[in-house]
Protein backbone atom coordinates (compact mmCIF):
# COMPACT_ATOMS: atom_id res chain seq x y z
CA MET A 1 0.00 0.00 0.00
CA GLU A 2 1.16 3.54 -0.70
CA GLU A 3 2.51 5.66 2.12
CA GLN A 4 -0.43 6.95 4.14
CA ILE A 5 0.52 10.54 4.83
CA THR A 6 -1.84 13.48 5.17
CA LEU A 7 -0.97 16.82 3.62
CA ASP A 8 -1.20 19.75 6.02
CA LEU A 9 -3.67 21.60 3.79
CA VAL A 10 -6.03 18.59 3.56
CA ALA A 11 -5.87 18.09 7.33
CA ALA A 12 -6.60 21.79 7.94
CA LEU A 13 -9.58 21.68 5.57
CA CYS A 14 -11.10 18.61 7.21
CA ARG A 15 -10.56 19.94 10.74
CA THR A 16 -12.22 23.24 9.85
CA LEU A 17 -15.20 21.55 8.18
CA ALA A 18 -15.68 19.39 11.26
CA SER A 19 -15.37 22.27 13.73
CA LYS A 20 -17.84 24.40 11.74
CA LYS A 21 -20.24 21.42 11.50
CA ILE A 22 -20.50 21.71 7.71
CA ASP A 23 -22.94 19.20 6.21
CA TYR A 24 -20.73 17.43 3.67
CA CYS A 25 -19.16 14.08 2.84
CA HIS A 26 -16.42 12.64 0.67
CA TRP A 27 -18.87 10.90 -1.59
CA LYS A 28 -16.89 8.39 -3.68
CA SER A 29 -13.64 6.36 -3.84
CA ASN A 30 -13.58 6.05 -0.07
CA THR A 31 -11.68 2.78 -0.30
CA PHE A 32 -8.73 4.96 -1.20
CA LEU A 33 -9.22 7.85 1.21
CA TYR A 34 -5.51 7.84 2.01
CA ARG A 35 -4.88 8.88 -1.62
CA SER A 36 -7.19 11.86 -1.15
CA ALA A 37 -5.35 12.70 2.06
CA ASN A 38 -1.93 12.73 0.39
CA GLY A 39 -3.07 14.59 -2.73
CA ASP A 40 -2.87 11.71 -5.23
CA ASN A 41 -6.66 11.73 -5.71
CA ASP A 42 -9.03 14.67 -6.07
CA LEU A 43 -11.32 15.46 -3.15
CA ASP A 44 -14.90 14.77 -4.31
CA LEU A 45 -16.98 16.52 -1.66
CA LEU A 46 -20.78 16.55 -1.67
CA VAL A 47 -22.08 19.61 0.19
CA ASN A 48 -25.50 20.64 1.46
CA ARG A 49 -26.54 23.73 -0.50
CA ILE A 50 -27.42 25.65 2.67
CA HIS A 51 -23.73 25.51 3.67
CA THR A 52 -22.41 26.73 0.31
CA GLN A 53 -21.33 30.18 1.50
CA GLU A 54 -19.67 28.88 4.67
CA PHE A 55 -17.85 26.18 2.70
CA GLU A 56 -16.56 28.68 0.16
CA GLU A 57 -15.39 31.02 2.92
CA ILE A 58 -13.43 28.16 4.48
CA LEU A 59 -11.80 27.33 1.15
CA SER A 60 -10.91 30.97 0.60
CA LYS A 61 -9.33 31.38 4.06
CA LEU A 62 -7.21 28.29 3.41
CA GLY A 63 -5.95 29.74 0.13
CA PHE A 64 -8.00 27.67 -2.31
CA LYS A 65 -8.65 29.28 -5.70
CA GLU A 66 -11.70 28.59 -7.86
CA SER A 67 -10.92 27.38 -11.38
CA LEU A 68 -13.01 27.12 -14.52
CA LEU A 69 -13.08 24.07 -16.79
CA PRO A 70 -13.36 24.36 -20.58
CA LYS A 71 -16.99 25.00 -21.53
CA ASP A 72 -17.62 21.49 -22.88
CA GLU A 73 -16.38 19.92 -19.62
CA GLU A 74 -18.40 22.01 -17.15
CA LEU A 75 -21.03 20.16 -15.13
CA PRO A 76 -24.08 21.67 -13.42
CA GLY A 77 -23.87 21.70 -9.65
CA VAL A 78 -20.11 21.09 -9.61
CA ARG A 79 -17.43 23.69 -8.87
CA ASN A 80 -13.67 23.28 -8.86
CA TYR A 81 -11.11 24.65 -6.42
CA TYR A 82 -7.36 24.22 -6.15
CA GLY A 83 -5.22 24.68 -3.09
CA CYS A 84 -1.45 24.65 -2.69
CA ASP A 85 -0.02 22.69 0.22
CA PRO A 86 2.57 25.06 1.74
CA LYS A 87 5.05 22.40 2.80
CA THR A 88 5.16 20.25 -0.34
CA GLY A 89 3.85 22.60 -3.02
CA ARG A 90 1.39 19.91 -4.16
CA LEU A 91 -1.86 21.06 -5.74
CA ILE A 92 -5.05 19.83 -4.04
CA HIS A 93 -8.09 19.65 -6.33
CA VAL A 94 -11.48 19.92 -4.64
CA HIS A 95 -14.57 19.00 -6.66
CA LEU A 96 -17.40 20.77 -4.83
CA HIS A 97 -20.58 18.85 -5.67
CA PHE A 98 -24.05 20.11 -4.91
CA GLN A 99 -25.62 17.37 -7.04
CA LEU A 100 -24.70 13.75 -7.70
CA ILE A 101 -23.77 13.98 -11.39
CA LEU A 102 -22.49 10.73 -12.88
CA GLY A 103 -22.34 8.54 -15.98
CA ASN A 104 -19.90 7.94 -18.79
CA ASP A 105 -16.86 10.24 -18.56
CA LEU A 106 -17.65 11.72 -21.98
CA SER A 107 -21.08 13.05 -21.03
CA LYS A 108 -21.95 12.58 -17.31
CA ASN A 109 -25.58 12.44 -18.35
CA TYR A 110 -27.35 11.50 -15.11
CA ARG A 111 -28.15 13.17 -11.83
CA LEU A 112 -29.29 10.93 -8.97
CA PRO A 113 -31.65 12.80 -6.59
CA LEU A 114 -30.05 11.18 -3.54
CA GLU A 115 -28.13 14.13 -2.15
CA ARG A 116 -30.13 14.72 1.04
CA ALA A 117 -30.34 11.06 2.03
CA TYR A 118 -26.69 10.57 1.08
CA LEU A 119 -25.58 13.36 3.41
CA GLU A 120 -27.90 12.26 6.22
CA SER A 121 -26.28 8.81 6.15
CA SER A 122 -22.75 10.15 6.48
CA ILE A 123 -20.55 9.75 9.55
CA GLN A 124 -17.26 11.34 10.64
CA ARG A 125 -14.18 9.20 10.27
CA ASP A 126 -10.69 10.19 11.44
CA LEU A 127 -10.31 12.74 8.64
CA PHE A 128 -13.32 12.91 6.28
CA ARG A 129 -17.05 12.50 6.64
CA VAL A 130 -18.13 9.55 4.47
CA PRO A 131 -21.54 8.17 3.44
CA ALA A 132 -22.95 4.93 4.77
CA PRO A 133 -21.45 2.02 2.78
CA GLU A 134 -24.83 0.90 1.39
CA PHE A 135 -25.37 4.35 -0.16
CA GLU A 136 -21.88 4.38 -1.62
CA LEU A 137 -22.34 0.84 -3.01
CA VAL A 138 -25.61 1.67 -4.77
CA VAL A 139 -24.16 4.79 -6.35
CA LEU A 140 -20.96 2.95 -7.30
CA VAL A 141 -22.88 0.16 -9.04
CA ILE A 142 -24.99 2.65 -11.01
CA ARG A 143 -21.89 4.70 -11.90
CA MET A 144 -20.01 1.63 -13.14
CA MET A 145 -22.97 0.37 -15.15
CA LEU A 146 -23.39 3.68 -16.95
CA LYS A 147 -19.66 3.97 -17.45
CA HIS A 148 -18.80 0.42 -18.57
CA SER A 149 -21.89 -1.68 -19.31
CA THR A 150 -23.78 0.06 -22.12
CA TRP A 151 -23.38 -0.92 -25.77
CA ASP A 152 -21.78 2.38 -26.69
CA SER A 153 -19.27 2.20 -23.83
CA ILE A 154 -18.27 -1.32 -24.83
CA LEU A 155 -18.00 -0.28 -28.49
CA MET A 156 -15.72 2.61 -27.46
CA ARG A 157 -13.54 0.12 -25.54
CA HIS A 158 -14.58 1.40 -22.11
CA GLY A 159 -16.16 -1.91 -21.20
CA ARG A 160 -13.93 -3.05 -18.34
CA LEU A 161 -13.61 -1.81 -14.79
CA SER A 162 -10.15 -0.63 -13.80
CA LYS A 163 -8.30 -2.41 -10.99
CA THR A 164 -9.14 0.37 -8.54
CA GLU A 165 -12.82 0.24 -9.51
CA GLN A 166 -12.85 -3.55 -9.05
CA CYS A 167 -11.19 -3.08 -5.67
CA GLU A 168 -13.83 -0.53 -4.60
CA LEU A 169 -16.64 -2.84 -5.70
CA SER A 170 -15.16 -5.79 -3.84
CA ASP A 171 -14.49 -3.71 -0.72
CA LEU A 172 -18.10 -2.45 -0.53
CA SER A 173 -19.89 -5.69 -1.48
CA THR A 174 -19.97 -7.21 2.00
CA GLN A 175 -22.92 -9.19 3.32
CA GLU A 176 -23.71 -6.49 5.86
CA THR A 177 -23.77 -3.76 3.21
CA LEU A 178 -25.77 -5.83 0.71
CA ALA A 179 -28.38 -6.49 3.40
CA MET A 180 -28.94 -2.71 3.73
CA VAL A 181 -29.18 -1.92 0.02
CA GLY A 182 -32.98 -2.13 -0.03
CA THR A 183 -33.32 0.97 2.17
CA VAL A 184 -31.33 3.00 -0.35
CA LEU A 185 -33.30 1.77 -3.36
CA THR A 186 -36.50 3.22 -1.89
CA HIS A 187 -35.09 6.62 -2.87
CA LEU A 188 -34.82 5.51 -6.53
CA PRO A 189 -38.26 4.46 -7.79
CA GLY A 190 -38.00 1.82 -10.50
CA VAL A 191 -34.60 0.49 -9.46
CA SER A 192 -35.72 -2.76 -7.88
CA ARG A 193 -33.59 -5.08 -5.79
CA SER A 194 -33.62 -7.67 -8.57
CA LEU A 195 -32.33 -5.09 -11.09
CA PHE A 196 -29.62 -3.99 -8.66
CA ASP A 197 -28.49 -7.60 -8.14
CA LEU A 198 -28.43 -8.08 -11.92
CA CYS A 199 -26.30 -4.94 -12.29
CA LEU A 200 -23.90 -6.15 -9.61
CA GLN A 201 -23.62 -9.50 -11.38
CA SER A 202 -22.98 -7.90 -14.77
CA LEU A 203 -20.04 -5.94 -13.36
CA GLN A 204 -18.16 -9.14 -12.59
CA VAL A 205 -15.19 -9.90 -14.83
CA ASP A 206 -16.62 -13.17 -16.20
CA CYS A 207 -20.08 -11.79 -17.13
CA PRO A 208 -20.88 -12.15 -20.87
CA TYR A 209 -21.15 -8.94 -22.89
CA TRP A 210 -24.72 -9.61 -24.01
CA ILE A 211 -25.94 -9.77 -20.40
CA ARG A 212 -24.08 -6.58 -19.52
CA ILE A 213 -25.50 -4.70 -22.51
CA LYS A 214 -29.04 -5.92 -21.82
CA THR A 215 -28.80 -4.97 -18.14
CA GLY A 216 -27.26 -1.62 -18.97
CA ARG A 217 -30.08 -0.78 -21.37
CA GLN A 218 -32.65 -1.78 -18.74
CA LEU A 219 -31.00 0.50 -16.15
CA GLN A 220 -30.83 3.42 -18.59
CA LYS A 221 -34.54 3.05 -19.32
CA ILE A 222 -35.35 3.21 -15.61
CA LEU A 223 -33.07 6.22 -15.09
CA GLN A 224 -34.29 8.22 -18.10
CA ALA A 225 -36.24 10.52 -15.76
CA TYR A 226 -32.87 11.54 -14.23
CA ALA A 227 -31.06 12.12 -17.53
CA ARG A 228 -29.75 15.55 -18.47
CA TYR A 229 -30.19 14.85 -22.19
CA PRO A 230 -32.35 12.46 -24.22
CA HIS A 231 -30.73 9.08 -24.81
CA TRP A 232 -30.15 9.65 -28.54
CA PHE A 233 -28.38 12.97 -27.88
CA ASP A 234 -26.23 11.38 -25.19
CA ILE A 235 -25.09 8.74 -27.72
CA ILE A 236 -24.20 11.39 -30.30
CA LEU A 237 -22.37 13.46 -27.70
CA LYS A 238 -20.26 10.55 -26.51
CA PHE A 239 -19.27 9.35 -29.97
CA SER A 240 -18.50 12.85 -31.26
CA ARG A 241 -16.25 13.55 -28.28
CA ARG A 242 -14.64 10.11 -28.51
CA ILE A 243 -13.67 10.83 -32.12
CA TRP A 244 -12.95 14.55 -31.97
CA GLN A 245 -10.90 14.77 -28.77
CA PRO A 246 -8.04 12.51 -30.01
CA ILE A 247 -7.97 14.48 -33.28
CA LEU A 248 -7.56 17.74 -31.39
CA ARG A 249 -4.99 16.26 -29.04
CA ARG A 250 -2.81 14.39 -31.54
CA GLY A 251 -3.42 16.38 -34.70
CA PHE A 252 -3.42 19.91 -33.32
CA GLY A 253 -1.63 19.48 -29.99
CA TYR A 254 -4.67 20.77 -28.11
CA SER A 255 -5.26 19.69 -24.53
CA SER A 256 -7.89 21.20 -22.27
CA ARG A 257 -6.65 23.14 -19.27
CA ASN A 258 -8.32 24.95 -16.38
CA ARG A 259 -8.35 28.70 -15.90
CA PHE A 260 -8.60 30.54 -12.61
CA ALA A 261 -11.98 32.14 -11.99
CA SER A 262 -10.20 35.32 -10.87
CA GLY A 263 -8.65 35.72 -14.33
CA GLY A 264 -5.17 35.32 -15.76
CA LEU A 265 -1.92 36.65 -14.35
CA PHE A 266 1.15 38.16 -16.04
CA ILE A 267 4.21 37.26 -13.94
CA ALA A 268 7.72 38.51 -14.67
CA ILE A 269 10.79 37.04 -12.98
CA VAL A 270 13.94 39.12 -13.19
CA GLY A 271 17.41 38.90 -11.74
CA GLY A 272 21.10 39.06 -12.52
CA ASP A 273 23.25 36.32 -13.98
CA GLY A 274 23.38 33.11 -11.96
CA ALA A 275 20.23 33.94 -9.98
CA GLY A 276 18.34 31.01 -11.53
CA LYS A 277 15.61 32.84 -13.48
CA THR A 278 15.24 30.27 -16.25
CA THR A 279 15.41 27.31 -13.86
CA MET A 280 12.77 28.96 -11.65
CA ILE A 281 10.43 29.56 -14.58
CA ASN A 282 10.81 25.97 -15.78
CA GLU A 283 10.03 24.67 -12.28
CA LEU A 284 6.93 26.87 -12.01
CA TYR A 285 5.77 25.83 -15.47
CA ASP A 286 6.13 22.13 -14.61
CA TRP A 287 4.24 22.73 -11.36
CA LEU A 288 1.15 24.27 -13.02
CA SER A 289 1.10 23.21 -16.68
CA GLU A 290 -0.59 19.85 -16.13
CA LYS A 291 -3.74 21.54 -14.79
CA PHE A 292 -3.77 25.14 -16.00
CA GLU A 293 -3.35 27.20 -19.14
CA ILE A 294 0.14 28.64 -18.84
CA LYS A 295 2.66 30.11 -21.26
CA LYS A 296 6.40 30.79 -21.01
CA ILE A 297 7.89 33.78 -22.81
CA HIS A 298 11.36 35.33 -22.87
CA MET A 299 11.41 39.11 -23.13
CA GLY A 300 15.19 39.24 -22.91
CA LYS A 301 15.46 37.12 -26.05
CA PRO A 302 12.09 37.57 -27.79
CA ASN A 303 11.09 35.60 -30.85
CA TRP A 304 11.94 37.46 -34.02
CA SER A 305 9.07 38.89 -36.02
CA TRP A 306 9.11 38.49 -39.80
CA MET A 307 10.33 42.09 -40.12
CA THR A 308 13.21 41.49 -37.73
CA THR A 309 14.14 38.29 -39.55
CA ALA A 310 14.30 40.14 -42.88
CA ILE A 311 16.26 43.14 -41.54
CA ARG A 312 18.72 41.09 -39.53
CA GLY A 313 19.21 38.80 -42.49
CA VAL A 314 20.37 41.75 -44.56
CA LEU A 315 22.61 42.97 -41.71
CA LYS A 316 24.09 39.49 -41.36
CA ILE A 317 25.11 39.54 -44.99
CA GLY A 318 26.92 42.82 -44.36
CA THR A 319 28.77 41.26 -41.43
CA LEU A 320 29.83 38.26 -43.52
CA LEU A 321 31.11 40.62 -46.21
CA HIS A 322 33.11 42.49 -43.51
CA LEU A 323 31.36 45.75 -44.30
CA TYR A 324 31.18 46.32 -40.54
CA SER A 325 31.84 44.34 -37.37
CA PHE A 326 29.24 42.79 -35.10
CA GLU A 327 28.83 44.73 -31.85
CA GLY A 328 27.56 42.69 -28.93
CA ASP A 329 27.48 43.05 -25.14
CA VAL A 330 26.46 46.57 -24.01
CA TYR A 331 28.31 46.03 -20.73
CA GLU A 332 31.71 45.66 -22.38
CA GLU A 333 33.57 48.85 -23.26
CA ALA A 334 33.20 49.75 -26.90
CA SER A 335 36.44 50.59 -28.69
CA GLN A 336 34.60 52.87 -31.14
CA PRO A 337 31.16 54.50 -31.52
CA HIS A 338 28.30 52.24 -32.58
CA GLY A 339 27.39 52.12 -36.26
CA TYR A 340 24.01 52.10 -38.00
CA PRO A 341 23.61 48.27 -37.88
CA TRP A 342 23.86 48.36 -34.08
CA PHE A 343 21.11 51.00 -33.82
CA ILE A 344 18.87 49.12 -36.25
CA ARG A 345 19.26 45.86 -34.32
CA ALA A 346 18.41 47.68 -31.07
CA VAL A 347 15.18 49.02 -32.56
CA CYS A 348 14.25 45.58 -33.92
CA THR A 349 14.79 44.12 -30.45
CA ALA A 350 12.62 46.85 -28.88
CA ARG A 351 9.83 46.10 -31.35
CA ASP A 352 10.02 42.36 -30.73
CA ARG A 353 9.91 42.91 -26.97
CA TYR A 354 6.86 45.13 -27.41
CA LEU A 355 5.16 42.43 -29.54
CA THR A 356 6.03 39.82 -26.88
CA TYR A 357 4.56 42.09 -24.22
CA MET A 358 1.33 42.45 -26.24
CA GLN A 359 1.09 38.68 -26.62
CA ALA A 360 1.53 38.21 -22.86
CA GLN A 361 -1.10 40.84 -22.08
CA ARG A 362 -3.61 39.23 -24.43
CA LEU A 363 -3.04 35.77 -23.01
CA SER A 364 -3.36 36.91 -19.39
CA SER A 365 -6.41 39.07 -20.20
CA ASN A 366 -8.09 35.94 -21.58
CA GLY A 367 -7.44 33.90 -18.45
CA SER A 368 -4.01 32.30 -19.00
CA LEU A 369 -1.00 32.45 -16.72
CA VAL A 370 2.09 33.95 -18.34
CA LEU A 371 5.64 33.47 -17.02
CA CYS A 372 8.09 36.02 -18.39
CA ASP A 373 11.85 35.51 -18.24
CA ARG A 374 13.46 38.99 -17.82
CA TYR A 375 11.56 42.21 -18.37
CA SER A 376 11.93 45.69 -19.78
CA LEU A 377 11.52 48.33 -17.07
CA PRO A 378 12.47 52.02 -16.96
CA GLY A 379 15.90 52.52 -15.40
CA PHE A 380 16.57 48.81 -15.02
CA MET A 381 18.89 46.39 -16.79
CA LYS A 382 20.67 48.27 -19.51
CA MET A 383 20.56 45.25 -21.82
CA ASP A 384 16.75 44.93 -21.49
CA GLY A 385 15.84 48.58 -21.99
CA PRO A 386 16.41 51.53 -24.37
CA GLN A 387 19.99 51.77 -25.62
CA CYS A 388 20.01 54.11 -28.60
CA GLU A 389 19.64 57.39 -26.69
CA SER A 390 22.71 56.83 -24.53
CA ALA A 391 24.68 55.49 -27.51
CA ILE A 392 24.31 58.64 -29.62
CA ALA A 393 26.16 60.58 -26.92
CA GLY A 394 29.38 59.21 -28.36
CA LEU A 395 28.63 60.47 -31.86
CA GLU A 396 29.63 63.87 -33.18
CA ASN A 397 26.99 64.17 -35.87
CA VAL A 398 23.47 62.87 -35.13
CA ASN A 399 21.40 62.93 -38.30
CA TRP A 400 17.64 62.60 -38.74
CA PHE A 401 17.82 58.84 -39.26
CA LEU A 402 19.53 58.22 -35.94
CA LYS A 403 17.05 60.53 -34.22
CA PHE A 404 14.22 58.57 -35.82
CA LEU A 405 15.68 55.27 -34.52
CA VAL A 406 16.04 56.73 -31.00
CA LYS A 407 12.45 57.98 -31.03
CA THR A 408 11.12 54.67 -32.37
CA GLU A 409 12.96 52.64 -29.75
CA LYS A 410 11.68 54.90 -26.94
CA PHE A 411 8.13 54.53 -28.26
CA TYR A 412 8.22 50.71 -28.09
CA TYR A 413 9.69 50.60 -24.59
CA GLY A 414 7.30 53.33 -23.44
CA GLN A 415 4.32 51.08 -24.22
CA ILE A 416 5.53 48.34 -21.87
CA LEU A 417 3.91 48.68 -18.44
CA LYS A 418 4.63 46.76 -15.25
CA PRO A 419 3.38 43.15 -15.14
CA ASP A 420 0.71 42.00 -12.67
CA LEU A 421 3.39 40.42 -10.47
CA LEU A 422 7.10 41.27 -10.51
CA ILE A 423 9.46 38.90 -8.68
CA VAL A 424 13.14 39.73 -8.29
CA LEU A 425 15.77 37.07 -7.63
CA LYS A 426 18.52 38.97 -5.81
CA LEU A 427 22.02 37.50 -5.77
CA ASP A 428 25.24 39.06 -4.49
CA PRO A 429 27.32 40.06 -7.55
CA GLU A 430 30.40 38.20 -6.25
CA ILE A 431 28.39 34.98 -5.89
CA ALA A 432 27.02 35.56 -9.41
CA VAL A 433 30.58 35.84 -10.81
CA ASN A 434 31.49 32.51 -9.21
CA ARG A 435 28.33 30.83 -10.54
CA LYS A 436 28.38 32.22 -14.10
CA THR A 437 31.86 31.23 -15.22
CA GLU A 438 31.00 30.81 -18.90
CA GLU A 439 30.65 34.59 -19.40
CA THR A 440 33.05 37.46 -18.82
CA GLU A 441 33.47 38.65 -15.25
CA THR A 442 32.90 42.28 -16.29
CA SER A 443 29.45 41.78 -17.81
CA VAL A 444 28.29 39.32 -15.11
CA ARG A 445 29.27 41.68 -12.30
CA ALA A 446 27.70 44.67 -14.07
CA ARG A 447 24.34 42.98 -14.70
CA SER A 448 24.17 41.52 -11.20
CA SER A 449 25.12 44.84 -9.60
CA GLU A 450 22.21 46.55 -11.34
CA VAL A 451 19.75 44.13 -9.77
CA TRP A 452 21.50 44.19 -6.39
CA SER A 453 21.54 47.98 -6.00
CA LEU A 454 18.14 48.97 -7.43
CA ASP A 455 15.37 50.10 -5.07
CA TRP A 456 12.74 47.52 -5.99
CA GLY A 457 10.21 48.90 -3.55
CA LYS A 458 9.48 51.74 -5.97
CA LEU A 459 8.40 49.15 -8.55
CA SER A 460 6.21 47.22 -6.07
CA ALA A 461 8.36 44.17 -6.71
CA PHE A 462 8.77 41.16 -4.42
CA GLU A 463 12.36 40.28 -3.58
CA VAL A 464 13.58 36.70 -3.19
CA ASN A 465 17.01 35.81 -1.84
CA ALA A 466 18.54 33.74 -4.66
CA SER A 467 21.62 32.80 -2.61
CA ARG A 468 19.51 30.28 -0.67
CA SER A 469 18.90 26.73 -1.83
CA ARG A 470 16.82 26.17 -4.96
CA GLU A 471 14.06 24.50 -2.91
CA GLU A 472 13.78 27.43 -0.48
CA ALA A 473 13.67 30.04 -3.25
CA LEU A 474 11.16 27.99 -5.25
CA SER A 475 8.91 27.60 -2.19
CA GLN A 476 8.87 31.36 -1.62
CA VAL A 477 8.12 32.14 -5.29
CA ARG A 478 5.35 29.54 -5.39
CA SER A 479 3.75 31.11 -2.32
CA LEU A 480 3.94 34.58 -3.87
CA MET A 481 2.35 33.37 -7.10
CA TRP A 482 -0.43 31.46 -5.38
CA GLU A 483 -1.26 34.41 -3.14
CA HIS A 484 -1.76 36.66 -6.19
CA LEU A 485 -3.76 34.22 -8.33
């Protein structure tokens, strides 16, 4: 058996629900409650509607954030919340059910009107409140029949129970529980004891397909009063999604992700060399990308637009023909004044950073999370901001073309506003020099000194000590992000 640990956030949630006497229960998969406790399983909690506001206040105080599913996956009477366990950083997914919605995973077409009786049967265990086993068994059998024992499910190769589902069924099918099933069936007119026993039999591994299909059709006919859609529409919905979803996933690389109900967030992480910006962004992306819509961008090295590609291609030819030399790091001392190619490249970079900024703003405005590596801010990081104006100081004659380039560059950088959340990884310049040995000591020390000496309070930025261990810095950044989501 897996290690039976309980995450601090799950324990705090359950203790608070118990102390506030919230009418709820963990309504399914209670054979594996330890997996809900350690965050491996979602928490499927059925809640009495009269306690909705109190429940949501508890979730909010514990730092849970409401998320929105893609439109075609939303279910009536079900809301989704995510919490971040402070010690481990694990995401805890709470499905807040006000109705018992179940059925095939592609449509969830049925609602069983058992909520009140289900909650009334529940008792408090060590951690969660759970329903009486006879209630859970009846609902499990109906769920498994609708999920695995209809002709369309079998045709779509969903006809077998998983090992965990078989284990749940075996665990609940005790003589004591089976003897109490009749009291539950009184809440479901039409579902007789003989039909229930037939359903239980058809879920066994050795049951012939024709019996399973016949029994499944009989159950669907009885439950048609509880269906969300007519049977024919349910069939069409399941087959269309069964065909279309793999096409979207494999052909177009599309995969559905959640969005936070509070909207998207534009997060920039800045710092000097060796502070671990890129590593931090990759860690944060891995942490959230499985569940949420999230995008990584690099403003320090933005993707080239088609215009930049064309212009820099021409300039590259000039370099290869030795018409002029390539001028690189702005932190190294230039032996001579910059030429036109340098100014043109600087303006192209400014434009590409502006286009990257617009992309990030659009994504975050539409609900996505955006992680930005480096950022262009006024008076910060010479290499990430305007360069032309200071460069013309070394020129004797400044013609109209150079003035135009200076003005254009200033325009692009002037359009870039502060992100929603600015996080600064601060690292002592001497430590940065020791860490970043593949670059020149002069440029590493200069870039790190800029970050080290700037008054970040004026920019409403959050400072993180990057000289600590990676785990400590990551934990602090995760907490900052989660607080602002």
